[in-house]
Amino acid sequence: MISWFKRSDPTNHMFTCSSVQLFPTAVPGTVAEAICPGQTGWVKCQGSFWKAKLYNSSGEITLEPNQTIRAVGREGITLLVIAES
């Protein structure tokens, strides 16, 4: 039996993409599915739908559908977003 991925091996990063990468310029978009604190939702950004979560949220902010956001970075394939002010 071939073992492609061992969770106990900390040097195996093939399936882990949890590092945060901030964008040099925030990208505008809109909320497609509500984003609550500590949870993910969906946004439409540059013509595509992306899973997203709040970036450094302070308090109990919820982003509602059709609300304008800015994608400021990503964590793996999840966008990190803030409300446009």
Protein backbone atom coordinates (compact mmCIF):
# COMPACT_ATOMS: atom_id res chain seq x y z
CA MET A 1 0.00 0.00 0.00
CA ILE A 2 1.33 3.42 -0.95
CA SER A 3 0.93 6.24 1.56
CA TRP A 4 0.68 9.56 -0.27
CA PHE A 5 0.13 11.75 2.75
CA LYS A 6 1.01 11.26 6.37
CA ARG A 7 -0.49 13.77 8.78
CA SER A 8 2.19 12.99 11.33
CA ASP A 9 4.92 14.22 8.96
CA PRO A 10 5.33 17.99 9.63
CA THR A 11 7.60 18.40 6.59
CA ASN A 12 4.90 17.21 4.17
CA HIS A 13 3.27 20.42 2.91
CA MET A 14 1.74 18.94 -0.21
CA PHE A 15 -1.85 19.32 1.04
CA THR A 16 -1.47 22.14 3.55
CA CYS A 17 -2.00 25.70 2.33
CA SER A 18 -2.69 27.61 5.50
CA SER A 19 -0.14 30.44 5.15
CA VAL A 20 -1.57 33.93 4.80
CA GLN A 21 -0.59 35.97 1.76
CA LEU A 22 -1.65 39.62 1.66
CA PHE A 23 -2.25 41.27 -1.71
CA PRO A 24 -0.30 44.43 -2.65
CA THR A 25 -3.63 46.06 -3.62
CA ALA A 26 -7.09 45.22 -2.28
CA VAL A 27 -9.45 43.72 -4.87
CA PRO A 28 -13.12 44.82 -4.92
CA GLY A 29 -15.97 42.33 -4.85
CA THR A 30 -19.44 41.61 -3.48
CA VAL A 31 -20.76 39.17 -0.91
CA ALA A 32 -22.72 36.28 -2.44
CA GLU A 33 -23.42 34.35 0.80
CA ALA A 34 -23.25 35.95 4.27
CA ILE A 35 -19.92 35.85 6.11
CA CYS A 36 -20.21 35.62 9.89
CA PRO A 37 -17.35 35.96 12.42
CA GLY A 38 -15.32 32.75 12.57
CA GLN A 39 -17.13 31.25 9.58
CA THR A 40 -16.70 31.28 5.83
CA GLY A 41 -19.10 32.51 3.19
CA TRP A 42 -18.87 33.26 -0.52
CA VAL A 43 -17.89 36.36 -2.49
CA LYS A 44 -17.80 37.25 -6.17
CA CYS A 45 -14.46 38.78 -7.02
CA GLN A 46 -13.06 39.45 -10.52
CA GLY A 47 -15.93 37.53 -12.10
CA SER A 48 -15.50 34.31 -10.07
CA PHE A 49 -16.98 32.98 -6.83
CA TRP A 50 -14.58 32.37 -3.94
CA LYS A 51 -14.87 31.03 -0.43
CA ALA A 52 -14.06 33.90 1.93
CA LYS A 53 -13.70 34.81 5.58
CA LEU A 54 -13.30 38.03 7.52
CA TYR A 55 -9.76 39.35 7.93
CA ASN A 56 -8.91 40.69 11.39
CA SER A 57 -12.50 41.41 12.30
CA SER A 58 -13.03 43.35 15.50
CA GLY A 59 -16.36 42.62 17.08
CA GLU A 60 -19.43 40.88 15.75
CA ILE A 61 -19.56 42.12 12.16
CA THR A 62 -21.48 40.08 9.58
CA LEU A 63 -21.15 40.77 5.87
CA GLU A 64 -24.51 40.45 4.15
CA PRO A 65 -25.25 39.42 0.53
CA ASN A 66 -24.71 42.20 -2.06
CA GLN A 67 -22.49 44.13 0.37
CA THR A 68 -19.31 45.52 -1.22
CA ILE A 69 -16.05 44.08 0.12
CA ARG A 70 -12.33 44.27 -0.50
CA ALA A 71 -10.25 41.10 -0.73
CA VAL A 72 -6.99 41.94 1.06
CA GLY A 73 -5.31 38.53 0.86
CA ARG A 74 -5.77 34.80 0.92
CA GLU A 75 -5.24 31.84 3.20
CA GLY A 76 -4.84 28.80 1.00
CA ILE A 77 -7.69 29.17 -1.49
CA THR A 78 -9.90 31.19 0.87
CA LEU A 79 -10.00 34.96 0.35
CA LEU A 80 -9.53 37.25 3.34
CA VAL A 81 -11.99 40.13 3.10
CA ILE A 82 -12.94 43.37 4.82
CA ALA A 83 -16.06 45.49 4.47
CA GLU A 84 -15.61 48.42 2.11
CA SER A 85 -15.90 51.64 4.07
